[in-house]
């Protein structure tokens, strides 16, 4: 359904996304993980062209999204929507829940006589009720606000949704409810997701494949269970070692990897393998080698040549 080839997004000399390539099949969920500032959100926003790409191609349903005119973009956005990270900032405080969900229908020309029934149906679909359609965002909890944001994304019946850390602003139990609801919606509506997150446990739960980003590049990409059982890139290994384990004995027995040094900024990305400044296994040649993704077997891609 989606192919991303050599995608770059620079802000001046800051290389926020620097040559990202991946594909997403219809009906699957691709998890996109990494530390804050690694370029996850910028990748998602550039794919949907909230940011204009600096270079690269985005192919959606066989169509090159990067060359679409404003009129064609309206049709494209009906097919791909986004759920935003902050349910407090992503909803207009002066619009009711019903109006927020109705607005995409107005923009995309859905007949007016269908609006009320569709709004009520969507609110029920995400666990709210039609009586709440007249309330304003401040009258809802954080989890309920995010449900409104999901209903808004579903309003024009998209094929793909980019979920930009949709649970990071919510507590654990509410976040788990939202993720379970997204899974149910995917099965019932045939949706495809890009799920951006830094909660590695939740990504494992919802994703069929996982891409790990570091300083604007994907350093590892594999099926979820393959990546969690057999991580190859030192950065992925360090991320997975930080996942909390509820069993104290297993947690104590596990090897924890603590990375040293500061994370380089997008204005000063190291040469060669960008992770070499913090990598516990770094070799002198890592400073100059071309760290590109290569297949290590079992459709497991890794940019570390020593993995």
C-alpha atoms as a PDB file:
ATOM      1  CA  UNK A   1       0.000   0.000   0.000  1.00  0.00           C
ATOM      2  CA  UNK A   2       2.797   2.453   0.895  1.00  0.00           C
ATOM      3  CA  UNK A   3       6.375   2.658  -0.336  1.00  0.00           C
ATOM      4  CA  UNK A   4       8.840   5.222   0.980  1.00  0.00           C
ATOM      5  CA  UNK A   5      12.092   5.610  -0.961  1.00  0.00           C
ATOM      6  CA  UNK A   6      15.038   7.672   0.283  1.00  0.00           C
ATOM      7  CA  UNK A   7      12.834  10.127   2.166  1.00  0.00           C
ATOM      8  CA  UNK A   8      14.622  13.203   3.488  1.00  0.00           C
ATOM      9  CA  UNK A   9      13.355  16.178   5.448  1.00  0.00           C
ATOM     10  CA  UNK A  10      15.819  18.912   6.327  1.00  0.00           C
ATOM     11  CA  UNK A  11      15.058  22.038   8.330  1.00  0.00           C
ATOM     12  CA  UNK A  12      17.858  24.292   7.120  1.00  0.00           C
ATOM     13  CA  UNK A  13      20.990  22.281   7.875  1.00  0.00           C
ATOM     14  CA  UNK A  14      19.237  20.055  10.437  1.00  0.00           C
ATOM     15  CA  UNK A  15      18.749  16.584   8.930  1.00  0.00           C
ATOM     16  CA  UNK A  16      15.606  15.463  10.754  1.00  0.00           C
ATOM     17  CA  UNK A  17      14.932  12.589   8.327  1.00  0.00           C
ATOM     18  CA  UNK A  18      17.898  11.467   6.256  1.00  0.00           C
ATOM     19  CA  UNK A  19      17.194   8.800   3.660  1.00  0.00           C
ATOM     20  CA  UNK A  20      14.432   6.640   5.112  1.00  0.00           C
ATOM     21  CA  UNK A  21      13.058   3.739   3.040  1.00  0.00           C
ATOM     22  CA  UNK A  22      10.403   1.158   3.922  1.00  0.00           C
ATOM     23  CA  UNK A  23       7.120  -0.302   2.715  1.00  0.00           C
ATOM     24  CA  UNK A  24       3.816  -1.074   4.428  1.00  0.00           C
ATOM     25  CA  UNK A  25       1.471  -3.794   3.173  1.00  0.00           C
ATOM     26  CA  UNK A  26      -2.296  -3.457   3.251  1.00  0.00           C
ATOM     27  CA  UNK A  27      -3.744  -4.433   6.623  1.00  0.00           C
ATOM     28  CA  UNK A  28      -0.465  -4.518   8.561  1.00  0.00           C
ATOM     29  CA  UNK A  29       0.904  -2.298  11.327  1.00  0.00           C
ATOM     30  CA  UNK A  30       4.441  -0.986  11.040  1.00  0.00           C
ATOM     31  CA  UNK A  31       5.859   0.192  14.351  1.00  0.00           C
ATOM     32  CA  UNK A  32       8.308   3.095  14.179  1.00  0.00           C
ATOM     33  CA  UNK A  33      10.400   3.410  17.338  1.00  0.00           C
ATOM     34  CA  UNK A  34      13.400   5.294  18.701  1.00  0.00           C
ATOM     35  CA  UNK A  35      14.438   7.928  21.206  1.00  0.00           C
ATOM     36  CA  UNK A  36      12.876  11.383  21.279  1.00  0.00           C
ATOM     37  CA  UNK A  37      14.252  13.510  18.459  1.00  0.00           C
ATOM     38  CA  UNK A  38      15.186  10.596  16.193  1.00  0.00           C
ATOM     39  CA  UNK A  39      12.804  11.724  13.435  1.00  0.00           C
ATOM     40  CA  UNK A  40       9.788   9.423  13.977  1.00  0.00           C
ATOM     41  CA  UNK A  41       7.129  12.124  14.027  1.00  0.00           C
ATOM     42  CA  UNK A  42       8.792  14.100  11.229  1.00  0.00           C
ATOM     43  CA  UNK A  43       8.747  10.946   9.091  1.00  0.00           C
ATOM     44  CA  UNK A  44       5.016  10.511   9.681  1.00  0.00           C
ATOM     45  CA  UNK A  45       4.207  14.151   9.027  1.00  0.00           C
ATOM     46  CA  UNK A  46       6.290  14.149   5.850  1.00  0.00           C
ATOM     47  CA  UNK A  47       4.596  11.015   4.511  1.00  0.00           C
ATOM     48  CA  UNK A  48       1.210  12.690   4.824  1.00  0.00           C
ATOM     49  CA  UNK A  49       2.778  15.936   3.523  1.00  0.00           C
ATOM     50  CA  UNK A  50       2.090  18.113   6.527  1.00  0.00           C
ATOM     51  CA  UNK A  51       5.798  18.757   5.929  1.00  0.00           C
ATOM     52  CA  UNK A  52       7.053  18.971   2.364  1.00  0.00           C
ATOM     53  CA  UNK A  53       9.809  16.400   1.725  1.00  0.00           C
ATOM     54  CA  UNK A  54      13.291  17.666   0.908  1.00  0.00           C
ATOM     55  CA  UNK A  55      13.968  14.601  -1.260  1.00  0.00           C
ATOM     56  CA  UNK A  56      12.742  11.080  -1.888  1.00  0.00           C
ATOM     57  CA  UNK A  57       9.513   9.496  -3.051  1.00  0.00           C
ATOM     58  CA  UNK A  58       6.300   8.492  -1.300  1.00  0.00           C
ATOM     59  CA  UNK A  59       4.211   6.007  -3.289  1.00  0.00           C
ATOM     60  CA  UNK A  60       0.720   5.368  -1.939  1.00  0.00           C
ATOM     61  CA  UNK A  61      -1.515   2.922  -3.792  1.00  0.00           C
ATOM     62  CA  UNK A  62       0.773   3.178  -6.809  1.00  0.00           C
ATOM     63  CA  UNK A  63       0.556   6.984  -6.901  1.00  0.00           C
ATOM     64  CA  UNK A  64       3.506   9.317  -6.289  1.00  0.00           C
ATOM     65  CA  UNK A  65       2.317  11.508  -3.420  1.00  0.00           C
ATOM     66  CA  UNK A  66       5.274  13.889  -3.710  1.00  0.00           C
ATOM     67  CA  UNK A  67       4.046  15.210  -7.063  1.00  0.00           C
ATOM     68  CA  UNK A  68       0.359  15.738  -6.236  1.00  0.00           C
ATOM     69  CA  UNK A  69      -1.306  19.114  -6.817  1.00  0.00           C
ATOM     70  CA  UNK A  70      -3.302  20.766  -3.981  1.00  0.00           C
ATOM     71  CA  UNK A  71      -6.534  19.450  -5.495  1.00  0.00           C
ATOM     72  CA  UNK A  72      -5.145  15.932  -5.731  1.00  0.00           C
ATOM     73  CA  UNK A  73      -3.859  16.179  -2.160  1.00  0.00           C
ATOM     74  CA  UNK A  74      -7.450  16.539  -0.930  1.00  0.00           C
ATOM     75  CA  UNK A  75      -8.310  13.155  -2.418  1.00  0.00           C
ATOM     76  CA  UNK A  76      -5.101  11.649  -1.010  1.00  0.00           C
ATOM     77  CA  UNK A  77      -5.825  12.929   2.501  1.00  0.00           C
ATOM     78  CA  UNK A  78      -9.208  11.242   2.395  1.00  0.00           C
ATOM     79  CA  UNK A  79      -7.338   7.942   2.003  1.00  0.00           C
ATOM     80  CA  UNK A  80      -4.683   8.624   4.662  1.00  0.00           C
ATOM     81  CA  UNK A  81      -5.353  10.294   7.999  1.00  0.00           C
ATOM     82  CA  UNK A  82      -3.396  11.001  11.187  1.00  0.00           C
ATOM     83  CA  UNK A  83      -3.994  10.631  14.909  1.00  0.00           C
ATOM     84  CA  UNK A  84      -1.932  13.210  16.764  1.00  0.00           C
ATOM     85  CA  UNK A  85       0.106  12.800  19.910  1.00  0.00           C
ATOM     86  CA  UNK A  86      -1.433  15.411  22.176  1.00  0.00           C
ATOM     87  CA  UNK A  87      -5.221  15.115  22.627  1.00  0.00           C
ATOM     88  CA  UNK A  88      -5.159  18.441  24.465  1.00  0.00           C
ATOM     89  CA  UNK A  89      -3.604  20.415  21.584  1.00  0.00           C
ATOM     90  CA  UNK A  90      -5.035  18.600  18.553  1.00  0.00           C
ATOM     91  CA  UNK A  91      -8.702  19.458  19.199  1.00  0.00           C
ATOM     92  CA  UNK A  92     -10.175  22.929  18.695  1.00  0.00           C
ATOM     93  CA  UNK A  93     -11.347  24.047  22.164  1.00  0.00           C
ATOM     94  CA  UNK A  94     -14.100  26.191  20.602  1.00  0.00           C
ATOM     95  CA  UNK A  95     -15.714  23.308  18.709  1.00  0.00           C
ATOM     96  CA  UNK A  96     -17.938  20.603  20.161  1.00  0.00           C
ATOM     97  CA  UNK A  97     -17.007  16.945  19.796  1.00  0.00           C
ATOM     98  CA  UNK A  98     -19.683  16.549  17.140  1.00  0.00           C
ATOM     99  CA  UNK A  99     -18.390  19.514  15.143  1.00  0.00           C
ATOM    100  CA  UNK A 100     -14.803  18.222  15.366  1.00  0.00           C
ATOM    101  CA  UNK A 101     -15.811  14.855  13.911  1.00  0.00           C
ATOM    102  CA  UNK A 102     -18.100  16.533  11.347  1.00  0.00           C
ATOM    103  CA  UNK A 103     -15.486  18.968   9.991  1.00  0.00           C
ATOM    104  CA  UNK A 104     -13.649  16.423   7.746  1.00  0.00           C
ATOM    105  CA  UNK A 105     -17.001  15.441   6.232  1.00  0.00           C
ATOM    106  CA  UNK A 106     -17.641  19.066   5.283  1.00  0.00           C
ATOM    107  CA  UNK A 107     -14.142  19.482   3.818  1.00  0.00           C
ATOM    108  CA  UNK A 108     -14.407  16.316   1.739  1.00  0.00           C
ATOM    109  CA  UNK A 109     -17.910  16.992   0.450  1.00  0.00           C
ATOM    110  CA  UNK A 110     -19.838  14.222   2.188  1.00  0.00           C
ATOM    111  CA  UNK A 111     -23.604  14.957   1.817  1.00  0.00           C
ATOM    112  CA  UNK A 112     -24.873  17.072   4.698  1.00  0.00           C
ATOM    113  CA  UNK A 113     -27.869  14.843   5.392  1.00  0.00           C
ATOM    114  CA  UNK A 114     -25.478  12.025   6.330  1.00  0.00           C
ATOM    115  CA  UNK A 115     -23.454  14.005   8.847  1.00  0.00           C
ATOM    116  CA  UNK A 116     -25.475  13.563  12.041  1.00  0.00           C
ATOM    117  CA  UNK A 117     -25.897   9.802  11.677  1.00  0.00           C
ATOM    118  CA  UNK A 118     -22.220   9.354  10.797  1.00  0.00           C
ATOM    119  CA  UNK A 119     -21.041  11.509  13.720  1.00  0.00           C
ATOM    120  CA  UNK A 120     -23.166   9.529  16.168  1.00  0.00           C
ATOM    121  CA  UNK A 121     -22.008   6.229  14.678  1.00  0.00           C
ATOM    122  CA  UNK A 122     -18.331   7.224  14.900  1.00  0.00           C
ATOM    123  CA  UNK A 123     -18.629   8.400  18.496  1.00  0.00           C
ATOM    124  CA  UNK A 124     -20.202   5.071  19.451  1.00  0.00           C
ATOM    125  CA  UNK A 125     -17.505   3.241  17.472  1.00  0.00           C
ATOM    126  CA  UNK A 126     -14.770   4.770  19.648  1.00  0.00           C
ATOM    127  CA  UNK A 127     -16.558   4.176  22.946  1.00  0.00           C
ATOM    128  CA  UNK A 128     -18.408   7.471  23.387  1.00  0.00           C
ATOM    129  CA  UNK A 129     -22.125   8.195  22.924  1.00  0.00           C
ATOM    130  CA  UNK A 130     -24.190  10.579  20.831  1.00  0.00           C
ATOM    131  CA  UNK A 131     -25.287  12.541  23.911  1.00  0.00           C
ATOM    132  CA  UNK A 132     -21.672  13.686  24.296  1.00  0.00           C
ATOM    133  CA  UNK A 133     -21.492  15.236  20.816  1.00  0.00           C
ATOM    134  CA  UNK A 134     -22.532  18.654  22.166  1.00  0.00           C
ATOM    135  CA  UNK A 135     -19.728  18.806  24.742  1.00  0.00           C
ATOM    136  CA  UNK A 136     -16.488  20.735  24.344  1.00  0.00           C
ATOM    137  CA  UNK A 137     -12.999  19.174  24.622  1.00  0.00           C
ATOM    138  CA  UNK A 138     -12.373  20.527  28.129  1.00  0.00           C
ATOM    139  CA  UNK A 139     -15.356  18.510  29.363  1.00  0.00           C
ATOM    140  CA  UNK A 140     -13.661  15.230  28.438  1.00  0.00           C
ATOM    141  CA  UNK A 141     -10.792  13.283  29.996  1.00  0.00           C
ATOM    142  CA  UNK A 142      -7.508  12.806  28.116  1.00  0.00           C
ATOM    143  CA  UNK A 143      -8.475   9.323  26.957  1.00  0.00           C
ATOM    144  CA  UNK A 144     -11.873  10.541  25.773  1.00  0.00           C
ATOM    145  CA  UNK A 145     -10.223  13.391  23.862  1.00  0.00           C
ATOM    146  CA  UNK A 146      -8.010  10.911  22.072  1.00  0.00           C
ATOM    147  CA  UNK A 147     -11.102   8.876  21.181  1.00  0.00           C
ATOM    148  CA  UNK A 148     -12.559  12.006  19.580  1.00  0.00           C
ATOM    149  CA  UNK A 149      -9.333  12.428  17.610  1.00  0.00           C
ATOM    150  CA  UNK A 150      -9.629   8.822  16.410  1.00  0.00           C
ATOM    151  CA  UNK A 151     -13.265   9.356  15.414  1.00  0.00           C
ATOM    152  CA  UNK A 152     -12.199  12.440  13.445  1.00  0.00           C
ATOM    153  CA  UNK A 153      -9.522  10.410  11.627  1.00  0.00           C
ATOM    154  CA  UNK A 154     -12.150   7.771  10.737  1.00  0.00           C
ATOM    155  CA  UNK A 155     -14.723  10.319   9.537  1.00  0.00           C
ATOM    156  CA  UNK A 156     -13.739  10.082   5.851  1.00  0.00           C
ATOM    157  CA  UNK A 157     -13.206   6.289   5.847  1.00  0.00           C
ATOM    158  CA  UNK A 158      -9.418   6.275   5.287  1.00  0.00           C
ATOM    159  CA  UNK A 159      -7.402   3.234   4.220  1.00  0.00           C
ATOM    160  CA  UNK A 160      -4.313   4.100   6.288  1.00  0.00           C
ATOM    161  CA  UNK A 161      -3.824   5.968   9.562  1.00  0.00           C
ATOM    162  CA  UNK A 162      -0.544   7.330  10.894  1.00  0.00           C
ATOM    163  CA  UNK A 163      -0.725   7.048  14.688  1.00  0.00           C
ATOM    164  CA  UNK A 164       1.752   9.573  16.084  1.00  0.00           C
ATOM    165  CA  UNK A 165       2.441   8.431  19.659  1.00  0.00           C
ATOM    166  CA  UNK A 166      -1.313   8.326  20.364  1.00  0.00           C
ATOM    167  CA  UNK A 167      -0.896   7.021  23.923  1.00  0.00           C
ATOM    168  CA  UNK A 168       2.197   8.878  25.155  1.00  0.00           C
ATOM    169  CA  UNK A 169       0.126  11.593  26.877  1.00  0.00           C
ATOM    170  CA  UNK A 170      -2.148   9.041  28.595  1.00  0.00           C
ATOM    171  CA  UNK A 171      -1.672   6.867  31.653  1.00  0.00           C
ATOM    172  CA  UNK A 172      -0.851   3.187  31.135  1.00  0.00           C
ATOM    173  CA  UNK A 173      -4.324   1.694  31.636  1.00  0.00           C
ATOM    174  CA  UNK A 174      -6.043   4.239  29.381  1.00  0.00           C
ATOM    175  CA  UNK A 175      -3.288   3.853  26.785  1.00  0.00           C
ATOM    176  CA  UNK A 176      -3.832   0.082  26.746  1.00  0.00           C
ATOM    177  CA  UNK A 177      -7.567   0.623  26.159  1.00  0.00           C
ATOM    178  CA  UNK A 178      -6.813   2.934  23.217  1.00  0.00           C
ATOM    179  CA  UNK A 179      -4.396   0.424  21.660  1.00  0.00           C
ATOM    180  CA  UNK A 180      -6.912  -2.423  22.040  1.00  0.00           C
ATOM    181  CA  UNK A 181      -9.550  -0.244  20.406  1.00  0.00           C
ATOM    182  CA  UNK A 182      -7.199   0.567  17.502  1.00  0.00           C
ATOM    183  CA  UNK A 183      -6.638  -3.164  16.990  1.00  0.00           C
ATOM    184  CA  UNK A 184     -10.384  -3.831  16.964  1.00  0.00           C
ATOM    185  CA  UNK A 185     -10.935  -1.001  14.474  1.00  0.00           C
ATOM    186  CA  UNK A 186      -8.179  -2.356  12.249  1.00  0.00           C
ATOM    187  CA  UNK A 187      -9.844  -5.770  12.097  1.00  0.00           C
ATOM    188  CA  UNK A 188     -13.379  -4.447  11.532  1.00  0.00           C
ATOM    189  CA  UNK A 189     -12.512  -1.681   9.043  1.00  0.00           C
ATOM    190  CA  UNK A 190      -9.485  -3.217   7.289  1.00  0.00           C
ATOM    191  CA  UNK A 191      -7.163  -0.378   8.276  1.00  0.00           C
ATOM    192  CA  UNK A 192      -3.408  -0.116   7.799  1.00  0.00           C
ATOM    193  CA  UNK A 193      -1.322   1.649  10.476  1.00  0.00           C
ATOM    194  CA  UNK A 194       2.030   3.267  10.957  1.00  0.00           C
ATOM    195  CA  UNK A 195       2.319   3.258  14.747  1.00  0.00           C
ATOM    196  CA  UNK A 196       4.903   5.749  16.026  1.00  0.00           C
ATOM    197  CA  UNK A 197       5.924   5.242  19.646  1.00  0.00           C
ATOM    198  CA  UNK A 198       8.734   4.971  22.161  1.00  0.00           C
ATOM    199  CA  UNK A 199       6.925   2.427  24.379  1.00  0.00           C
ATOM    200  CA  UNK A 200       8.581  -0.737  23.095  1.00  0.00           C
ATOM    201  CA  UNK A 201       6.253  -3.086  24.973  1.00  0.00           C
ATOM    202  CA  UNK A 202       3.171  -1.519  23.388  1.00  0.00           C
ATOM    203  CA  UNK A 203       4.781  -1.548  19.938  1.00  0.00           C
ATOM    204  CA  UNK A 204       5.410  -5.281  20.290  1.00  0.00           C
ATOM    205  CA  UNK A 205       1.757  -5.786  21.154  1.00  0.00           C
ATOM    206  CA  UNK A 206       0.264  -3.943  18.167  1.00  0.00           C
ATOM    207  CA  UNK A 207       2.852  -4.157  15.363  1.00  0.00           C
ATOM    208  CA  UNK A 208       3.497  -6.843  12.759  1.00  0.00           C
ATOM    209  CA  UNK A 209       6.886  -5.302  11.841  1.00  0.00           C
ATOM    210  CA  UNK A 210       9.106  -2.779  13.609  1.00  0.00           C
ATOM    211  CA  UNK A 211      11.514  -0.167  12.242  1.00  0.00           C
ATOM    212  CA  UNK A 212      14.079   1.308  14.660  1.00  0.00           C
ATOM    213  CA  UNK A 213      15.208   4.891  13.979  1.00  0.00           C
ATOM    214  CA  UNK A 214      18.320   6.706  15.138  1.00  0.00           C
ATOM    215  CA  UNK A 215      19.262  10.257  14.100  1.00  0.00           C
ATOM    216  CA  UNK A 216      16.906  10.370  11.136  1.00  0.00           C
ATOM    217  CA  UNK A 217      17.737   6.935   9.731  1.00  0.00           C
ATOM    218  CA  UNK A 218      16.311   3.450  10.063  1.00  0.00           C
ATOM    219  CA  UNK A 219      19.014   1.230  11.574  1.00  0.00           C
ATOM    220  CA  UNK A 220      17.012  -1.996  11.843  1.00  0.00           C
ATOM    221  CA  UNK A 221      13.778  -3.359  10.371  1.00  0.00           C
ATOM    222  CA  UNK A 222      12.263  -6.797  10.925  1.00  0.00           C
ATOM    223  CA  UNK A 223       9.154  -8.729  11.866  1.00  0.00           C
ATOM    224  CA  UNK A 224       8.133  -7.944  15.433  1.00  0.00           C
ATOM    225  CA  UNK A 225       8.913 -11.275  17.071  1.00  0.00           C
ATOM    226  CA  UNK A 226      12.102 -11.666  15.025  1.00  0.00           C
ATOM    227  CA  UNK A 227      13.353  -8.243  16.132  1.00  0.00           C
ATOM    228  CA  UNK A 228      12.488  -8.721  19.815  1.00  0.00           C
ATOM    229  CA  UNK A 229      13.946 -12.229  19.974  1.00  0.00           C
ATOM    230  CA  UNK A 230      17.012 -11.558  17.852  1.00  0.00           C
ATOM    231  CA  UNK A 231      17.975  -7.846  17.806  1.00  0.00           C
ATOM    232  CA  UNK A 232      21.103  -7.259  15.743  1.00  0.00           C
ATOM    233  CA  UNK A 233      21.938  -3.549  15.831  1.00  0.00           C
ATOM    234  CA  UNK A 234      23.672  -2.437  19.076  1.00  0.00           C
ATOM    235  CA  UNK A 235      21.221   0.445  19.379  1.00  0.00           C
ATOM    236  CA  UNK A 236      18.218  -1.904  19.206  1.00  0.00           C
ATOM    237  CA  UNK A 237      19.855  -4.211  21.753  1.00  0.00           C
ATOM    238  CA  UNK A 238      20.288  -1.292  24.158  1.00  0.00           C
ATOM    239  CA  UNK A 239      16.675  -0.152  23.680  1.00  0.00           C
ATOM    240  CA  UNK A 240      15.289  -3.615  24.360  1.00  0.00           C
ATOM    241  CA  UNK A 241      17.471  -4.022  27.448  1.00  0.00           C
ATOM    242  CA  UNK A 242      15.694  -1.023  28.958  1.00  0.00           C
ATOM    243  CA  UNK A 243      12.200  -2.560  28.809  1.00  0.00           C
ATOM    244  CA  UNK A 244      10.996  -3.137  32.390  1.00  0.00           C
ATOM    245  CA  UNK A 245      10.397  -6.768  33.395  1.00  0.00           C
ATOM    246  CA  UNK A 246       7.861  -7.328  36.210  1.00  0.00           C
ATOM    247  CA  UNK A 247       9.750 -10.364  37.568  1.00  0.00           C
ATOM    248  CA  UNK A 248      12.574  -9.022  39.822  1.00  0.00           C
ATOM    249  CA  UNK A 249      14.719 -12.156  39.444  1.00  0.00           C
ATOM    250  CA  UNK A 250      14.545 -12.099  35.650  1.00  0.00           C
ATOM    251  CA  UNK A 251      15.154  -8.348  35.660  1.00  0.00           C
ATOM    252  CA  UNK A 252      18.264  -8.699  37.848  1.00  0.00           C
ATOM    253  CA  UNK A 253      19.595 -11.552  35.716  1.00  0.00           C
ATOM    254  CA  UNK A 254      19.186  -9.667  32.471  1.00  0.00           C
ATOM    255  CA  UNK A 255      22.099  -7.717  31.045  1.00  0.00           C
ATOM    256  CA  UNK A 256      21.326  -4.010  31.063  1.00  0.00           C
ATOM    257  CA  UNK A 257      23.163  -1.886  28.514  1.00  0.00           C
ATOM    258  CA  UNK A 258      23.756   1.755  29.392  1.00  0.00           C
ATOM    259  CA  UNK A 259      24.819   3.928  26.487  1.00  0.00           C
ATOM    260  CA  UNK A 260      27.444   6.570  27.220  1.00  0.00           C
ATOM    261  CA  UNK A 261      27.834   9.984  25.670  1.00  0.00           C
ATOM    262  CA  UNK A 262      25.328  12.563  24.486  1.00  0.00           C
ATOM    263  CA  UNK A 263      22.961  12.000  21.567  1.00  0.00           C
ATOM    264  CA  UNK A 264      24.336  14.047  18.647  1.00  0.00           C
ATOM    265  CA  UNK A 265      21.942  16.634  17.262  1.00  0.00           C
ATOM    266  CA  UNK A 266      20.444  16.716  13.777  1.00  0.00           C
ATOM    267  CA  UNK A 267      22.720  19.692  13.047  1.00  0.00           C
ATOM    268  CA  UNK A 268      25.843  17.628  13.698  1.00  0.00           C
ATOM    269  CA  UNK A 269      25.207  14.026  12.615  1.00  0.00           C
ATOM    270  CA  UNK A 270      28.437  11.974  12.909  1.00  0.00           C
ATOM    271  CA  UNK A 271      30.040  10.673   9.723  1.00  0.00           C
ATOM    272  CA  UNK A 272      29.933   6.998   8.787  1.00  0.00           C
ATOM    273  CA  UNK A 273      27.669   5.061  11.115  1.00  0.00           C
ATOM    274  CA  UNK A 274      25.904   7.790  13.095  1.00  0.00           C
ATOM    275  CA  UNK A 275      25.744   5.529  16.169  1.00  0.00           C
ATOM    276  CA  UNK A 276      29.514   5.008  16.447  1.00  0.00           C
ATOM    277  CA  UNK A 277      29.927   7.796  19.047  1.00  0.00           C
ATOM    278  CA  UNK A 278      27.826   5.822  21.562  1.00  0.00           C
ATOM    279  CA  UNK A 279      28.218   2.240  20.357  1.00  0.00           C
ATOM    280  CA  UNK A 280      29.876  -0.163  22.852  1.00  0.00           C
ATOM    281  CA  UNK A 281      31.131  -2.262  19.906  1.00  0.00           C
ATOM    282  CA  UNK A 282      32.421   0.568  17.709  1.00  0.00           C
ATOM    283  CA  UNK A 283      35.518   0.019  15.567  1.00  0.00           C
ATOM    284  CA  UNK A 284      37.719   2.703  13.963  1.00  0.00           C
ATOM    285  CA  UNK A 285      36.268   1.982  10.512  1.00  0.00           C
ATOM    286  CA  UNK A 286      32.740   2.746  11.779  1.00  0.00           C
ATOM    287  CA  UNK A 287      33.610   6.437  11.459  1.00  0.00           C
ATOM    288  CA  UNK A 288      33.793   6.199   7.671  1.00  0.00           C
ATOM    289  CA  UNK A 289      31.778   3.166   6.527  1.00  0.00           C
ATOM    290  CA  UNK A 290      28.485   3.555   4.656  1.00  0.00           C
ATOM    291  CA  UNK A 291      25.961   2.157   7.116  1.00  0.00           C
ATOM    292  CA  UNK A 292      23.148   1.051   4.785  1.00  0.00           C
ATOM    293  CA  UNK A 293      20.423  -1.455   5.546  1.00  0.00           C
ATOM    294  CA  UNK A 294      21.255  -4.972   4.391  1.00  0.00           C
ATOM    295  CA  UNK A 295      19.313  -8.211   4.655  1.00  0.00           C
ATOM    296  CA  UNK A 296      20.841 -10.482   7.296  1.00  0.00           C
ATOM    297  CA  UNK A 297      18.361 -13.267   6.568  1.00  0.00           C
ATOM    298  CA  UNK A 298      14.712 -13.907   7.423  1.00  0.00           C
ATOM    299  CA  UNK A 299      13.794 -10.443   6.029  1.00  0.00           C
ATOM    300  CA  UNK A 300      15.744  -8.901   8.893  1.00  0.00           C
ATOM    301  CA  UNK A 301      17.402  -5.660   7.789  1.00  0.00           C
ATOM    302  CA  UNK A 302      20.234  -4.079   9.763  1.00  0.00           C
ATOM    303  CA  UNK A 303      22.650  -1.248   9.012  1.00  0.00           C
ATOM    304  CA  UNK A 304      25.471  -2.519  11.267  1.00  0.00           C
ATOM    305  CA  UNK A 305      27.940  -4.532   9.126  1.00  0.00           C
ATOM    306  CA  UNK A 306      29.154  -6.392  12.224  1.00  0.00           C
ATOM    307  CA  UNK A 307      25.704  -7.595  13.304  1.00  0.00           C
END
